[in-house]
Amino acid sequence: MYHIVPTAKNVDEACSDLEAAVRKHEFGVLHVYDLKETLAKKGYALEPQCRIFEVCNPQQATRVLQRDIRVNMALPCRISVFEDAGVTKIGAILPAEILRALSHDRELADVAETVQTTIKAIVDEAAAPADTRTALLQRPAP
């Protein structure tokens, strides 16, 4: 259900590398939520950092929405960069798992599997050490 990868990077570095990996895979960042900052503005303290990136591939989103507009409620995909017990982690809930709960349409499942493979690659590349990440980012997207 989850794909979570620890990284030696701090949150800012992981966020920067996540944005680069998202672009490499022809996804876009629609919005970034900084939960620690948002909750602090409302008077609630959250010790670990947690940033949620809403990401989308317009071609895949269009295919899904043309097939079943109700799936809009599960879009866009989200990838989080967060601290857990002092460790920076990057993770996502896997889209194919979500879609299986919402639809039995095989074509939608195929799109979700494709998106899921890409989301995992994005997370893995963003979490990888700098020298590994450079090699991964230079490799063509699947």
Protein backbone atom coordinates (compact mmCIF):
# COMPACT_ATOMS: atom_id res chain seq x y z
CA MET A 1 0.00 0.00 0.00
CA TYR A 2 2.90 2.36 0.77
CA HIS A 3 6.24 2.91 -0.90
CA ILE A 4 8.48 4.67 1.65
CA VAL A 5 12.23 5.06 1.26
CA PRO A 6 14.58 6.51 3.92
CA THR A 7 17.24 8.93 2.77
CA ALA A 8 20.39 10.41 4.31
CA LYS A 9 19.32 13.83 2.97
CA ASN A 10 17.72 16.53 5.05
CA VAL A 11 14.14 17.55 4.21
CA ASP A 12 15.15 20.53 2.04
CA GLU A 13 17.59 18.45 -0.02
CA ALA A 14 15.07 15.65 -0.40
CA CYS A 15 12.39 18.12 -1.55
CA SER A 16 14.73 19.66 -4.12
CA ASP A 17 15.71 16.23 -5.46
CA LEU A 18 12.06 15.14 -5.48
CA GLU A 19 11.11 18.11 -7.68
CA ALA A 20 13.92 17.21 -10.12
CA ALA A 21 12.80 13.57 -10.29
CA VAL A 22 9.17 14.61 -10.82
CA ARG A 23 10.16 16.79 -13.80
CA LYS A 24 12.38 14.07 -15.26
CA HIS A 25 9.42 11.71 -15.40
CA GLU A 26 7.18 14.28 -17.12
CA PHE A 27 5.04 14.87 -14.07
CA GLY A 28 4.40 18.31 -12.67
CA VAL A 29 4.23 19.59 -9.11
CA LEU A 30 0.81 21.18 -8.67
CA HIS A 31 1.22 22.24 -5.07
CA VAL A 32 3.34 21.63 -1.99
CA TYR A 33 1.78 21.60 1.47
CA ASP A 34 4.08 22.26 4.42
CA LEU A 35 2.10 20.66 7.24
CA LYS A 36 4.41 21.85 10.01
CA GLU A 37 4.08 25.46 8.84
CA THR A 38 0.33 25.26 8.22
CA LEU A 39 -0.41 23.75 11.61
CA ALA A 40 1.87 26.26 13.37
CA LYS A 41 -0.11 29.12 11.81
CA LYS A 42 -3.24 27.61 13.34
CA GLY A 43 -1.64 27.27 16.78
CA TYR A 44 -0.74 23.58 16.66
CA ALA A 45 2.81 22.31 16.96
CA LEU A 46 4.09 19.49 14.78
CA GLU A 47 7.67 18.57 15.60
CA PRO A 48 8.70 16.56 12.55
CA GLN A 49 8.72 18.24 9.18
CA CYS A 50 6.19 16.99 6.66
CA ARG A 51 5.74 18.31 3.13
CA ILE A 52 3.20 16.86 0.75
CA PHE A 53 3.72 17.27 -2.99
CA GLU A 54 0.71 16.96 -5.26
CA VAL A 55 2.04 15.62 -8.56
CA CYS A 56 0.35 14.84 -11.84
CA ASN A 57 1.04 13.59 -15.32
CA PRO A 58 -1.56 15.37 -17.46
CA GLN A 59 -1.66 12.66 -20.12
CA GLN A 60 -2.35 9.88 -17.62
CA ALA A 61 -4.81 12.01 -15.63
CA THR A 62 -6.78 12.77 -18.80
CA ARG A 63 -6.96 9.06 -19.71
CA VAL A 64 -8.29 8.20 -16.26
CA LEU A 65 -10.80 11.05 -16.10
CA GLN A 66 -12.15 10.38 -19.59
CA ARG A 67 -12.76 6.78 -18.56
CA ASP A 68 -14.34 7.52 -15.15
CA ILE A 69 -14.74 11.11 -13.94
CA ARG A 70 -15.49 9.90 -10.40
CA VAL A 71 -11.83 9.00 -9.99
CA ASN A 72 -11.08 12.75 -9.81
CA MET A 73 -11.50 12.43 -6.06
CA ALA A 74 -8.36 10.27 -5.88
CA LEU A 75 -6.26 12.70 -7.93
CA PRO A 76 -3.62 14.06 -7.97
CA CYS A 77 -1.00 11.65 -6.67
CA ARG A 78 0.77 12.72 -3.52
CA ILE A 79 4.39 12.16 -2.56
CA SER A 80 5.52 13.13 0.93
CA VAL A 81 8.86 14.13 2.37
CA PHE A 82 8.79 13.76 6.12
CA GLU A 83 10.81 13.11 9.24
CA ASP A 84 10.13 9.94 11.20
CA ALA A 85 12.14 9.22 14.35
CA GLY A 86 14.88 11.58 13.13
CA VAL A 87 15.11 10.01 9.67
CA THR A 88 14.06 11.78 6.47
CA LYS A 89 11.78 9.62 4.36
CA ILE A 90 10.10 9.99 0.98
CA GLY A 91 6.96 8.04 0.31
CA ALA A 92 3.63 7.65 -1.42
CA ILE A 93 0.47 5.61 -1.19
CA LEU A 94 0.51 3.38 -4.26
CA PRO A 95 -2.05 4.50 -6.88
CA ALA A 96 -2.86 1.01 -8.14
CA GLU A 97 -3.93 -0.01 -4.63
CA ILE A 98 -6.22 3.00 -4.33
CA LEU A 99 -7.75 2.47 -7.75
CA ARG A 100 -8.43 -1.22 -7.09
CA ALA A 101 -10.65 -0.11 -4.21
CA LEU A 102 -12.50 2.36 -6.46
CA SER A 103 -12.93 0.55 -9.76
CA HIS A 104 -12.75 -2.85 -11.42
CA ASP A 105 -12.07 -1.30 -14.85
CA ARG A 106 -9.05 -3.06 -16.39
CA GLU A 107 -7.99 -0.06 -18.49
CA LEU A 108 -7.93 2.15 -15.40
CA ALA A 109 -5.94 -0.51 -13.58
CA ASP A 110 -3.37 -0.53 -16.40
CA VAL A 111 -2.97 3.26 -16.20
CA ALA A 112 -2.65 3.07 -12.42
CA GLU A 113 0.06 0.41 -12.69
CA THR A 114 2.01 2.60 -15.14
CA VAL A 115 1.67 5.62 -12.85
CA GLN A 116 2.63 3.51 -9.84
CA THR A 117 5.83 2.32 -11.52
CA THR A 118 6.72 5.94 -12.24
CA ILE A 119 5.86 7.14 -8.72
CA LYS A 120 8.13 4.43 -7.26
CA ALA A 121 10.95 5.48 -9.59
CA ILE A 122 10.48 9.14 -8.62
CA VAL A 123 10.64 8.28 -4.90
CA ASP A 124 13.66 6.00 -5.35
CA GLU A 125 15.56 8.57 -7.40
CA ALA A 126 14.82 11.42 -4.98
CA ALA A 127 15.92 9.32 -2.00
CA ALA A 128 19.11 7.99 -3.60
CA PRO A 129 22.51 9.33 -2.52
CA ALA A 130 23.76 12.24 -4.64
CA ASP A 131 26.16 10.22 -6.80
CA THR A 132 23.55 7.50 -7.41
CA ARG A 133 20.83 10.12 -7.97
CA THR A 134 22.90 11.86 -10.66
CA ALA A 135 23.25 8.58 -12.55
CA LEU A 136 19.54 7.79 -12.12
CA LEU A 137 18.43 11.25 -13.27
CA GLN A 138 20.59 11.00 -16.37
CA ARG A 139 19.10 7.64 -17.32
CA PRO A 140 16.06 7.94 -19.63
CA ALA A 141 12.64 7.48 -18.01
CA PRO A 142 10.97 4.06 -18.58
